[in-house]
Protein backbone atom coordinates (compact mmCIF):
# COMPACT_ATOMS: atom_id res chain seq x y z
CA UNK A 1 -7.99 20.64 41.50
CA UNK A 2 -4.29 19.80 41.85
CA UNK A 3 -1.93 21.47 39.41
CA UNK A 4 -0.80 19.35 36.49
CA UNK A 5 2.95 19.34 36.00
CA UNK A 6 3.78 20.12 32.40
CA UNK A 7 6.96 20.64 30.44
CA UNK A 8 4.86 23.05 28.34
CA UNK A 9 5.45 25.68 31.01
CA UNK A 10 9.14 24.93 31.45
CA UNK A 11 11.50 27.44 29.81
CA UNK A 12 13.75 26.08 27.12
CA UNK A 13 17.48 25.66 27.88
CA UNK A 14 18.10 28.92 26.00
CA UNK A 15 15.73 30.75 28.34
CA UNK A 16 13.01 31.23 25.71
CA UNK A 17 9.37 31.28 26.71
CA UNK A 18 5.98 31.42 24.99
CA UNK A 19 5.70 30.81 21.26
CA UNK A 20 9.46 31.19 20.70
CA UNK A 21 10.12 28.37 23.16
CA UNK A 22 8.08 26.13 20.86
CA UNK A 23 9.21 27.34 17.46
CA UNK A 24 12.90 27.25 18.43
CA UNK A 25 12.77 24.25 20.77
CA UNK A 26 15.28 21.42 20.70
CA UNK A 27 13.23 19.33 23.16
CA UNK A 28 12.19 16.04 21.53
CA UNK A 29 8.92 16.00 23.52
CA UNK A 30 7.81 19.42 22.35
CA UNK A 31 8.64 18.47 18.78
CA UNK A 32 6.57 15.31 19.21
CA UNK A 33 3.61 17.43 20.37
CA UNK A 34 4.09 19.84 17.44
CA UNK A 35 4.10 16.91 15.03
CA UNK A 36 0.97 15.56 16.74
CA UNK A 37 -1.17 18.62 16.08
CA UNK A 38 0.17 19.02 12.53
CA UNK A 39 -0.43 15.35 11.68
CA UNK A 40 -3.93 15.37 13.18
CA UNK A 41 -4.76 18.46 11.09
CA UNK A 42 -3.61 16.79 7.87
CA UNK A 43 -5.33 13.55 8.79
CA UNK A 44 -8.63 15.37 9.33
CA UNK A 45 -8.29 17.14 5.96
CA UNK A 46 -7.50 13.91 4.10
CA UNK A 47 -10.26 12.04 5.92
CA UNK A 48 -12.80 14.68 4.92
CA UNK A 49 -11.65 14.65 1.28
CA UNK A 50 -11.85 10.85 1.22
CA UNK A 51 -15.38 10.98 2.66
CA UNK A 52 -16.40 13.43 -0.09
CA UNK A 53 -14.93 11.09 -2.71
CA UNK A 54 -17.01 8.23 -1.35
CA UNK A 55 -20.15 10.41 -1.41
CA UNK A 56 -19.43 11.16 -5.08
CA UNK A 57 -19.26 7.42 -5.80
CA UNK A 58 -22.48 6.75 -3.87
CA UNK A 59 -24.59 7.14 -7.03
CA UNK A 60 -24.10 6.78 -10.77
CA UNK A 61 -23.19 10.01 -12.57
CA UNK A 62 -22.37 13.31 -10.92
CA UNK A 63 -23.28 13.50 -7.24
CA UNK A 64 -21.40 16.44 -5.70
CA UNK A 65 -18.38 17.15 -7.96
CA UNK A 66 -17.22 17.08 -11.57
CA UNK A 67 -14.77 14.54 -12.99
CA UNK A 68 -11.93 17.09 -13.03
CA UNK A 69 -12.44 18.00 -9.36
CA UNK A 70 -12.76 14.30 -8.50
CA UNK A 71 -9.38 13.50 -10.04
CA UNK A 72 -7.65 16.35 -8.19
CA UNK A 73 -9.42 15.49 -4.92
CA UNK A 74 -8.38 11.86 -5.36
CA UNK A 75 -4.75 12.92 -5.74
CA UNK A 76 -4.99 15.32 -2.79
CA UNK A 77 -6.40 12.58 -0.55
CA UNK A 78 -3.59 10.20 -1.51
CA UNK A 79 -0.74 12.71 -1.21
CA UNK A 80 -1.84 13.94 2.23
CA UNK A 81 -2.58 10.49 3.61
CA UNK A 82 0.68 8.94 2.40
CA UNK A 83 3.24 11.72 2.72
CA UNK A 84 1.74 13.82 5.53
CA UNK A 85 0.01 11.21 7.71
CA UNK A 86 0.79 7.52 7.30
CA UNK A 87 4.58 7.73 6.77
CA UNK A 88 5.44 10.36 9.43
CA UNK A 89 2.67 9.86 12.02
CA UNK A 90 3.98 7.21 14.43
CA UNK A 91 7.76 7.83 14.05
CA UNK A 92 7.52 11.64 14.09
CA UNK A 93 5.06 11.87 17.00
CA UNK A 94 5.60 8.89 19.29
CA UNK A 95 9.11 8.13 18.07
CA UNK A 96 10.27 11.65 18.83
CA UNK A 97 8.49 11.70 22.17
CA UNK A 98 9.29 8.23 23.53
CA UNK A 99 12.37 6.81 21.79
CA UNK A 100 14.85 8.79 23.94
CA UNK A 101 12.90 8.02 27.12
CA UNK A 102 12.72 4.29 26.32
CA UNK A 103 16.48 4.36 25.76
CA UNK A 104 17.08 6.07 29.12
CA UNK A 105 18.45 9.32 27.68
CA UNK A 106 17.38 12.97 27.70
CA UNK A 107 17.12 13.75 23.98
CA UNK A 108 17.90 12.59 20.45
CA UNK A 109 21.49 12.76 19.21
CA UNK A 110 20.86 15.69 16.82
CA UNK A 111 18.28 17.98 18.48
CA UNK A 112 18.81 20.85 16.01
CA UNK A 113 18.45 18.48 13.09
CA UNK A 114 15.24 17.29 14.70
CA UNK A 115 13.87 20.83 14.64
CA UNK A 116 14.93 21.22 10.99
CA UNK A 117 13.07 18.02 10.17
CA UNK A 118 9.85 19.48 11.63
CA UNK A 119 10.25 22.70 9.63
CA UNK A 120 10.79 20.70 6.43
CA UNK A 121 7.62 18.74 7.19
CA UNK A 122 5.63 21.94 7.67
CA UNK A 123 7.18 23.55 4.57
CA UNK A 124 6.33 20.51 2.44
CA UNK A 125 2.72 20.63 3.65
CA UNK A 126 2.56 24.35 2.92
CA UNK A 127 3.78 23.80 -0.66
CA UNK A 128 1.09 21.16 -1.16
CA UNK A 129 -1.56 23.67 -0.09
CA UNK A 130 -0.10 26.42 -2.30
CA UNK A 131 -0.27 24.10 -5.32
CA UNK A 132 -4.05 23.97 -4.85
CA UNK A 133 -4.38 27.64 -5.70
CA UNK A 134 -1.64 28.17 -8.30
CA UNK A 135 -1.91 27.93 -12.08
CA UNK A 136 -3.35 24.62 -13.17
CA UNK A 137 -4.49 23.60 -9.69
CA UNK A 138 -3.68 20.42 -7.80
CA UNK A 139 -2.47 17.49 -9.96
CA UNK A 140 -4.97 14.97 -11.31
CA UNK A 141 -2.39 12.20 -11.66
CA UNK A 142 -3.03 10.21 -8.49
CA UNK A 143 -0.48 10.09 -5.67
CA UNK A 144 1.87 7.90 -7.77
CA UNK A 145 2.44 10.68 -10.38
CA UNK A 146 2.69 8.08 -13.15
CA UNK A 147 4.31 9.18 -16.40
CA UNK A 148 3.69 10.00 -19.19
CA UNK A 149 0.51 11.63 -17.82
CA UNK A 150 2.36 13.54 -15.07
CA UNK A 151 4.70 15.14 -17.64
CA UNK A 152 1.87 16.04 -20.01
CA UNK A 153 -0.98 17.26 -17.80
CA UNK A 154 -1.55 21.01 -17.45
CA UNK A 155 -2.06 20.77 -13.69
CA UNK A 156 0.61 21.99 -11.28
CA UNK A 157 2.61 18.76 -10.96
CA UNK A 158 6.07 20.32 -10.33
CA UNK A 159 5.11 22.16 -7.13
CA UNK A 160 3.32 19.14 -5.64
CA UNK A 161 6.17 16.82 -6.58
CA UNK A 162 8.64 19.24 -5.02
CA UNK A 163 6.51 19.24 -1.85
CA UNK A 164 6.81 15.44 -1.74
CA UNK A 165 10.59 15.83 -2.23
CA UNK A 166 10.81 18.15 0.79
CA UNK A 167 8.76 15.74 2.88
CA UNK A 168 11.18 12.98 1.89
CA UNK A 169 14.08 15.08 3.19
CA UNK A 170 12.28 15.44 6.51
CA UNK A 171 11.77 11.67 6.67
CA UNK A 172 15.46 10.98 5.98
CA UNK A 173 16.64 13.36 8.69
CA UNK A 174 14.32 11.76 11.23
CA UNK A 175 15.61 8.30 10.31
CA UNK A 176 19.23 9.43 10.58
CA UNK A 177 18.53 10.91 14.00
CA UNK A 178 16.89 7.75 15.34
CA UNK A 179 19.66 5.45 14.12
CA UNK A 180 22.35 7.62 15.69
CA UNK A 181 20.40 7.98 18.94
CA UNK A 182 19.98 4.20 19.29
CA UNK A 183 23.68 3.60 18.67
CA UNK A 184 25.16 6.47 20.66
CA UNK A 185 22.67 7.66 23.27
CA UNK A 186 21.02 4.64 24.88
CA UNK A 187 21.69 4.09 28.58
CA UNK A 188 25.03 2.45 29.35
CA UNK A 189 23.25 -0.40 31.13
CA UNK A 190 20.95 -1.14 28.17
CA UNK A 191 22.15 -3.87 25.82
CA UNK A 192 20.75 -4.53 22.38
CA UNK A 193 18.43 -7.24 23.70
CA UNK A 194 17.02 -4.90 26.36
CA UNK A 195 15.75 -2.27 23.92
CA UNK A 196 11.91 -2.03 23.94
CA UNK A 197 10.22 -3.41 20.84
CA UNK A 198 8.74 -0.04 19.87
CA UNK A 199 12.24 1.41 19.66
CA UNK A 200 13.40 -1.64 17.72
CA UNK A 201 10.64 -1.05 15.18
CA UNK A 202 11.68 2.59 14.79
CA UNK A 203 15.30 1.53 14.36
CA UNK A 204 14.43 -0.90 11.54
CA UNK A 205 12.16 1.72 9.96
CA UNK A 206 14.85 4.39 10.13
CA UNK A 207 17.21 2.31 7.98
CA UNK A 208 14.53 2.00 5.30
CA UNK A 209 13.87 5.76 5.51
CA UNK A 210 17.55 6.53 5.15
CA UNK A 211 18.36 4.11 2.32
CA UNK A 212 15.18 4.09 0.22
CA UNK A 213 14.00 7.71 0.36
CA UNK A 214 16.84 9.07 -1.85
CA UNK A 215 15.51 6.90 -4.69
CA UNK A 216 12.10 8.58 -4.74
CA UNK A 217 13.66 11.99 -4.13
CA UNK A 218 15.82 11.73 -7.24
CA UNK A 219 12.92 10.27 -9.23
CA UNK A 220 10.61 13.17 -8.34
CA UNK A 221 13.30 15.68 -9.29
CA UNK A 222 13.66 13.90 -12.63
CA UNK A 223 9.92 14.36 -13.25
CA UNK A 224 10.35 18.11 -12.67
CA UNK A 225 13.33 18.21 -15.06
CA UNK A 226 11.34 16.19 -17.60
CA UNK A 227 8.58 18.79 -17.58
CA UNK A 228 10.89 21.80 -17.49
CA UNK A 229 13.51 20.77 -20.07
CA UNK A 230 11.83 18.03 -22.18
CA UNK A 231 14.72 15.69 -21.43
CA UNK A 232 12.95 12.48 -22.48
CA UNK A 233 13.77 10.26 -19.49
CA UNK A 234 10.30 8.80 -19.01
CA UNK A 235 8.12 10.17 -21.83
CA UNK A 236 7.98 7.59 -24.69
CA UNK A 237 7.20 10.36 -27.19
CA UNK A 238 10.70 11.71 -26.52
CA UNK A 239 12.44 8.34 -26.40
CA UNK A 240 11.97 7.84 -22.65
CA UNK A 241 10.88 4.72 -20.77
CA UNK A 242 7.77 4.95 -18.54
CA UNK A 243 8.57 1.51 -17.11
CA UNK A 244 11.79 2.98 -15.67
CA UNK A 245 9.71 5.47 -13.69
CA UNK A 246 7.58 2.67 -12.26
CA UNK A 247 10.67 0.75 -11.13
CA UNK A 248 12.20 3.82 -9.51
CA UNK A 249 8.92 4.86 -7.87
CA UNK A 250 8.10 1.47 -6.37
CA UNK A 251 11.73 0.86 -5.42
CA UNK A 252 10.99 3.41 -2.70
CA UNK A 253 7.23 3.23 -2.34
CA UNK A 254 7.00 -0.43 -1.46
CA UNK A 255 9.68 -0.18 1.25
CA UNK A 256 7.69 2.88 2.33
CA UNK A 257 4.81 0.51 3.06
CA UNK A 258 7.01 -0.97 5.77
CA UNK A 259 8.02 2.52 6.91
CA UNK A 260 4.29 2.93 7.47
CA UNK A 261 3.54 -0.41 9.12
CA UNK A 262 6.68 -1.34 11.13
CA UNK A 263 6.23 1.45 13.73
CA UNK A 264 2.59 0.39 14.07
CA UNK A 265 3.73 -3.17 14.76
CA UNK A 266 6.07 -1.75 17.40
CA UNK A 267 3.12 -0.03 19.06
CA UNK A 268 1.16 -3.29 19.17
CA UNK A 269 4.22 -5.07 20.60
CA UNK A 270 4.12 -2.61 23.53
CA UNK A 271 0.36 -2.69 24.11
CA UNK A 272 -0.27 -6.46 24.00
CA UNK A 273 2.17 -7.43 26.83
CA UNK A 274 1.18 -4.42 28.94
CA UNK A 275 -2.50 -5.39 29.08
CA UNK A 276 -1.77 -9.12 29.14
CA UNK A 277 0.53 -8.68 32.16
CA UNK A 278 3.06 -10.95 30.49
CA UNK A 279 6.40 -10.50 28.81
CA UNK A 280 6.02 -10.57 25.03
CA UNK A 281 6.27 -14.06 23.58
CA UNK A 282 9.29 -14.39 21.30
CA UNK A 283 11.08 -11.08 21.93
CA UNK A 284 14.12 -12.02 19.84
CA UNK A 285 11.93 -13.42 17.08
CA UNK A 286 10.07 -10.10 16.86
CA UNK A 287 13.36 -8.17 16.76
CA UNK A 288 14.71 -10.37 13.97
CA UNK A 289 11.41 -10.23 12.08
CA UNK A 290 11.43 -6.42 12.23
CA UNK A 291 14.86 -6.32 10.64
CA UNK A 292 13.83 -9.08 8.22
CA UNK A 293 10.78 -7.13 7.08
CA UNK A 294 12.94 -4.05 6.53
CA UNK A 295 15.36 -6.03 4.34
CA UNK A 296 12.93 -8.30 2.47
CA UNK A 297 10.38 -5.52 2.04
CA UNK A 298 12.96 -3.56 0.05
CA UNK A 299 13.24 -6.35 -2.54
CA UNK A 300 9.63 -6.89 -3.61
CA UNK A 301 8.72 -3.59 -5.30
CA UNK A 302 7.92 -4.97 -8.76
CA UNK A 303 4.90 -6.98 -7.63
CA UNK A 304 3.03 -3.73 -8.39
CA UNK A 305 4.05 -4.15 -12.03
CA UNK A 306 2.98 -7.64 -13.14
CA UNK A 307 0.84 -6.19 -15.96
CA UNK A 308 3.44 -3.66 -17.11
CA UNK A 309 5.30 -5.96 -19.52
CA UNK A 310 8.14 -7.32 -17.36
CA UNK A 311 9.77 -10.61 -18.27
CA UNK A 312 8.30 -13.84 -16.89
CA UNK A 313 11.52 -14.43 -14.92
CA UNK A 314 11.17 -11.08 -13.14
CA UNK A 315 7.51 -11.81 -12.39
CA UNK A 316 8.43 -15.20 -10.86
CA UNK A 317 11.26 -13.77 -8.72
CA UNK A 318 9.23 -10.87 -7.34
CA UNK A 319 6.24 -13.12 -6.68
CA UNK A 320 8.43 -15.52 -4.69
CA UNK A 321 9.99 -12.70 -2.67
CA UNK A 322 6.53 -11.29 -1.96
CA UNK A 323 5.42 -14.56 -0.40
CA UNK A 324 8.64 -14.81 1.62
CA UNK A 325 8.12 -11.38 3.22
CA UNK A 326 4.88 -12.73 4.72
CA UNK A 327 6.90 -15.03 7.02
CA UNK A 328 8.36 -12.40 9.41
CA UNK A 329 4.98 -10.68 9.47
CA UNK A 330 3.31 -13.94 10.51
CA UNK A 331 5.93 -14.33 13.26
CA UNK A 332 4.75 -11.08 14.82
CA UNK A 333 1.06 -12.01 14.69
CA UNK A 334 1.83 -15.41 16.21
CA UNK A 335 3.84 -13.77 19.01
CA UNK A 336 1.05 -11.29 19.83
CA UNK A 337 -1.60 -14.00 20.00
CA UNK A 338 0.69 -16.29 22.01
CA UNK A 339 1.34 -13.50 24.50
CA UNK A 340 -2.39 -13.26 25.22
CA UNK A 341 -2.74 -17.02 25.74
CA UNK A 342 -3.64 -17.72 29.41
CA UNK A 343 -2.81 -14.09 30.28
CA UNK A 344 -4.37 -11.74 32.84
CA UNK A 345 -5.94 -9.56 30.14
CA UNK A 346 -7.39 -6.18 31.04
CA UNK A 347 -9.56 -4.66 28.30
CA UNK A 348 -8.89 -0.97 27.69
CA UNK A 349 -9.31 1.34 24.66
CA UNK A 350 -5.65 0.90 23.57
CA UNK A 351 -5.99 -2.90 23.69
CA UNK A 352 -9.30 -2.79 21.78
CA UNK A 353 -7.67 -0.80 18.97
CA UNK A 354 -4.70 -3.20 19.04
CA UNK A 355 -6.98 -6.23 18.64
CA UNK A 356 -8.81 -4.53 15.77
CA UNK A 357 -5.41 -3.83 14.20
CA UNK A 358 -4.42 -7.51 14.33
CA UNK A 359 -7.63 -8.58 12.60
CA UNK A 360 -7.71 -5.87 9.92
CA UNK A 361 -4.01 -6.14 9.14
CA UNK A 362 -4.27 -9.94 8.89
CA UNK A 363 -7.09 -9.57 6.34
CA UNK A 364 -4.96 -7.04 4.46
CA UNK A 365 -1.98 -9.38 4.49
CA UNK A 366 -3.92 -12.42 3.30
CA UNK A 367 -5.58 -10.50 0.47
CA UNK A 368 -2.14 -9.16 -0.40
CA UNK A 369 -1.14 -12.71 -1.30
CA UNK A 370 -3.83 -12.63 -3.98
CA UNK A 371 -2.05 -9.63 -5.48
CA UNK A 372 1.40 -11.10 -4.86
CA UNK A 373 0.64 -14.15 -7.00
CA UNK A 374 0.89 -13.12 -10.64
CA UNK A 375 -1.83 -15.51 -11.80
CA UNK A 376 -4.54 -13.98 -9.61
CA UNK A 377 -3.18 -10.42 -9.75
CA UNK A 378 -3.82 -10.28 -13.50
CA UNK A 379 -7.56 -10.55 -12.86
CA UNK A 380 -7.90 -7.96 -10.07
CA UNK A 381 -5.08 -5.56 -10.96
CA UNK A 382 -6.22 -1.91 -10.99
CA UNK A 383 -9.65 -2.82 -9.61
CA UNK A 384 -11.35 -1.90 -6.34
CA UNK A 385 -9.89 -5.11 -4.89
CA UNK A 386 -6.54 -3.31 -4.77
CA UNK A 387 -8.15 -0.27 -3.11
CA UNK A 388 -9.66 -2.44 -0.39
CA UNK A 389 -6.45 -4.41 0.21
CA UNK A 390 -4.40 -1.23 0.40
CA UNK A 391 -6.73 0.35 2.97
CA UNK A 392 -6.98 -2.82 5.06
CA UNK A 393 -3.18 -2.82 5.25
CA UNK A 394 -2.43 0.88 5.60
CA UNK A 395 -5.54 2.27 7.29
CA UNK A 396 -6.66 -0.88 9.11
CA UNK A 397 -3.00 -1.43 9.95
CA UNK A 398 -1.09 1.81 10.44
CA UNK A 399 -4.22 3.91 11.04
CA UNK A 400 -5.62 1.76 13.83
CA UNK A 401 -2.13 1.28 15.31
CA UNK A 402 -1.90 5.08 15.40
CA UNK A 403 -5.27 5.24 17.20
CA UNK A 404 -4.02 2.60 19.65
CA UNK A 405 -0.83 4.61 20.27
CA UNK A 406 -2.85 7.80 20.84
CA UNK A 407 -4.95 6.13 23.54
CA UNK A 408 -1.99 4.27 25.05
CA UNK A 409 0.40 7.21 25.43
CA UNK A 410 -2.07 10.09 25.74
CA UNK A 411 -2.00 10.02 29.60
CA UNK A 412 1.80 10.03 29.58
CA UNK A 413 2.11 12.83 27.02
CA UNK A 414 -0.40 15.19 28.65
CA UNK A 415 -0.92 13.89 32.18
CA UNK A 416 -4.69 13.58 31.68
CA UNK A 417 -7.11 10.73 30.96
CA UNK A 418 -9.88 10.57 28.37
CA UNK A 419 -13.42 9.16 28.69
CA UNK A 420 -13.41 5.36 28.29
CA UNK A 421 -17.09 5.02 27.34
CA UNK A 422 -16.78 7.42 24.41
CA UNK A 423 -13.51 5.74 23.41
CA UNK A 424 -15.21 2.33 23.22
CA UNK A 425 -18.17 3.70 21.24
CA UNK A 426 -15.83 5.47 18.82
CA UNK A 427 -13.71 2.34 18.32
CA UNK A 428 -16.81 0.23 17.67
CA UNK A 429 -18.27 2.70 15.18
CA UNK A 430 -14.95 3.05 13.37
CA UNK A 431 -14.43 -0.72 13.15
CA UNK A 432 -17.96 -1.53 11.94
CA UNK A 433 -17.83 1.38 9.50
CA UNK A 434 -14.44 0.22 8.23
CA UNK A 435 -15.74 -3.26 7.48
CA UNK A 436 -18.88 -2.01 5.69
CA UNK A 437 -16.79 0.53 3.79
CA UNK A 438 -14.04 -1.70 2.43
CA UNK A 439 -15.37 -5.28 2.29
CA UNK A 440 -17.82 -4.37 -0.54
CA UNK A 441 -14.79 -3.11 -2.48
CA UNK A 442 -13.32 -6.63 -2.51
CA UNK A 443 -16.51 -7.84 -4.18
CA UNK A 444 -16.63 -4.88 -6.56
CA UNK A 445 -13.05 -5.56 -7.57
CA UNK A 446 -13.71 -9.24 -8.27
CA UNK A 447 -16.73 -8.16 -10.33
CA UNK A 448 -14.39 -5.98 -12.41
CA UNK A 449 -14.97 -2.40 -11.22
CA UNK A 450 -11.81 -0.38 -12.02
CA UNK A 451 -10.24 1.88 -9.41
CA UNK A 452 -9.73 5.65 -9.87
CA UNK A 453 -12.82 5.90 -12.09
CA UNK A 454 -15.20 8.82 -11.64
CA UNK A 455 -18.27 6.83 -12.73
CA UNK A 456 -19.30 3.18 -13.03
CA UNK A 457 -21.81 0.79 -14.61
CA UNK A 458 -25.22 0.03 -13.00
CA UNK A 459 -24.16 -3.45 -11.80
CA UNK A 460 -21.75 -1.79 -9.34
CA UNK A 461 -24.34 0.56 -7.80
CA UNK A 462 -25.35 -1.58 -4.83
CA UNK A 463 -21.79 -2.19 -3.64
CA UNK A 464 -20.90 1.49 -3.89
CA UNK A 465 -24.00 2.54 -1.96
CA UNK A 466 -23.12 0.10 0.85
CA UNK A 467 -19.52 1.32 0.88
CA UNK A 468 -20.75 4.92 1.19
CA UNK A 469 -22.91 4.02 4.20
CA UNK A 470 -19.92 2.33 5.82
CA UNK A 471 -17.77 5.37 5.05
CA UNK A 472 -20.22 7.60 6.90
CA UNK A 473 -20.09 5.34 9.97
CA UNK A 474 -16.28 5.24 9.82
CA UNK A 475 -16.09 9.03 9.54
CA UNK A 476 -18.40 9.51 12.54
CA UNK A 477 -16.43 7.03 14.65
CA UNK A 478 -13.07 8.67 13.96
CA UNK A 479 -14.41 12.17 14.59
CA UNK A 480 -15.92 11.00 17.91
CA UNK A 481 -12.54 9.55 18.86
CA UNK A 482 -10.74 12.83 18.15
CA UNK A 483 -13.41 14.87 19.95
CA UNK A 484 -13.12 12.60 22.98
CA UNK A 485 -9.37 13.17 23.17
CA UNK A 486 -9.75 16.94 22.80
CA UNK A 487 -12.46 17.01 25.51
CA UNK A 488 -9.98 15.44 27.94
CA UNK A 489 -8.27 18.85 28.12
CA UNK A 490 -11.54 20.37 29.32
CA UNK A 491 -12.31 17.83 32.04
CA UNK A 492 -8.62 17.37 32.96
CA UNK A 493 -8.89 14.10 34.84
CA UNK A 494 -5.34 13.73 36.15
CA UNK A 495 -3.49 10.57 35.17
CA UNK A 496 -1.07 8.76 37.44
CA UNK A 497 2.54 8.11 36.46
CA UNK A 498 1.75 4.56 35.37
CA UNK A 499 -1.99 4.20 34.67
CA UNK A 500 -1.66 1.04 32.58
CA UNK A 501 0.93 -0.84 34.62
CA UNK A 502 3.63 -0.59 31.94
CA UNK A 503 7.20 -1.72 32.58
CA UNK A 504 9.27 0.23 30.04
CA UNK A 505 11.12 3.37 31.11
CA UNK A 506 8.54 5.95 29.99
CA UNK A 507 6.25 4.68 32.77
CA UNK A 508 8.82 5.58 35.42
CA UNK A 509 8.91 9.32 34.71
CA UNK A 510 6.26 11.94 35.65
CA UNK A 511 3.21 12.49 33.46
CA UNK A 512 3.91 14.46 31.33
CA UNK A 513 7.71 14.09 31.47
CA UNK A 514 9.82 17.06 32.65
CA UNK A 515 12.30 18.87 30.43
CA UNK A 516 15.17 16.49 31.21
CA UNK A 517 13.00 13.34 31.27
CA UNK A 518 14.43 11.53 34.29
CA UNK A 519 14.28 12.93 37.82
CA UNK A 520 16.47 10.03 38.98
CA UNK A 521 18.87 7.56 37.35
CA UNK A 522 16.75 5.21 35.20
CA UNK A 523 16.57 1.60 36.32
CA UNK A 524 17.23 -0.45 33.19
CA UNK A 525 15.80 -3.93 33.62
CA UNK A 526 16.85 -7.23 32.14
CA UNK A 527 14.57 -8.90 29.64
CA UNK A 528 12.06 -10.56 30.02
CA UNK A 529 10.26 -7.74 31.77
CA UNK A 530 8.69 -8.81 35.04
CA UNK A 531 5.01 -7.96 35.58
CA UNK A 532 4.78 -9.64 39.00
CA UNK A 533 5.19 -6.36 40.88
CA UNK A 534 2.45 -4.76 38.78
CA UNK A 535 0.09 -7.69 39.38
CA UNK A 536 0.81 -7.62 43.12
CA UNK A 537 0.06 -3.90 43.30
CA UNK A 538 -3.18 -4.33 41.33
CA UNK A 539 -4.32 -7.11 43.64
CA UNK A 540 -3.62 -4.80 46.56
CA UNK A 541 -5.69 -2.04 44.94
CA UNK A 542 -2.72 0.23 44.28
CA UNK A 543 -2.75 0.34 40.49
CA UNK A 544 -0.94 3.32 39.04
CA UNK A 545 1.26 3.79 42.11
CA UNK A 546 3.98 1.33 41.09
CA UNK A 547 7.23 2.56 39.62
CA UNK A 548 8.73 -0.48 37.89
């Protein structure tokens, strides 16, 4: 078997080897790999906890856990999924690994800051784990830490909130690094309208990370001060205003939704043209829509608060803005579908996950309009309808985009290919399981079943049993997907430099890339990217041998 070139075995610039070369590395690719294993660990933990929650809700009354454990497990699932998986996954892993390569440079602008960001991420996760075993145990507040409950509960809220604060610092540093790298480090021949769409999505996301994260950071610190010093900022018993907390929390947390989804959209914007063998339809429109989503998405936070007692004027304004933010999102979906029209489509696991993403995210977006309109939101607010919409958007969106990115860039990151048959089976199981898991929740919500409840009335039993069966199928599909990727290290089927026929710069470097990325001066192409050379090579039976 031929040897697989790997930057894993390359000494760091400081001459370090072994574990030290990883723990003290400044190489953006190694940091991307370190984020990958950490994120997959947290994702597996949160997935397992979520599956246990669904088993608990399978039947009326106690199934496998008490109400107190359920509330803490519910919070744990949310905190890990949001702060340790969905927000950092695509930017921290694939952004770190591929943004510099797509820009034609050798590293990010602040490599040491990049390493610090990883250590903050790991430290924040460690604090979250420690809070499980300290006095009071993990919080039972839900991942939103709503006051006044979060300042009155006996559970260990301060340590968990501080962990979220540390994770926010990591997110800000990553965003700062990406913005500076795009402005200062991209290849001299690469203009703004030649930047790949994945990098554009990271750039727009980075601005939201940098500008919105300080709001939640300060808010979480204020919750700690509230508990420690009885200041009375949010607690109405001390003259505080709980509505103020909601405004401050969602002022970050709704833009964070776009921190979660914009990188996923960037992934899809890379995969669709690659397997359609066509330049993306509406490149400039997608660029503008990415920036538009980042701006407009920062102005719609209060649509989470229609039932909180805001004025009618505020409700009208935020409802209008919520509908307007759907326009740039629709532009992207239209561009993806138009790209595939009359294209030379080649079905692969990354494309299958991308197509599933488009469908699930579209359902999530359309049902989001039900919640964005105040008249209908009143009826389904705080029901399982919201749970289903949120998971269609975040899990069906960002989660499946993450799965697509894993399968798309896995051969480039590790130089090996996975088993396609298992990948297709896993994707099918996960998709079918997802639909059977979350569609019943729409119905349960419209029937009036509240979210976050440990138990429910008999009329909701059938829907919850069906959702539990779907959850089992979803869990099996995702675990099969992860096992398939891990097994690729055992079989070690060597991947070519360009197995998919991609035309961006990462497909011109060895698989996996060497320490300094480019073995020759990168050839920055004008947009639109030309797939004719790829198609010619495929027709000649030379796929994977083309260096665009």
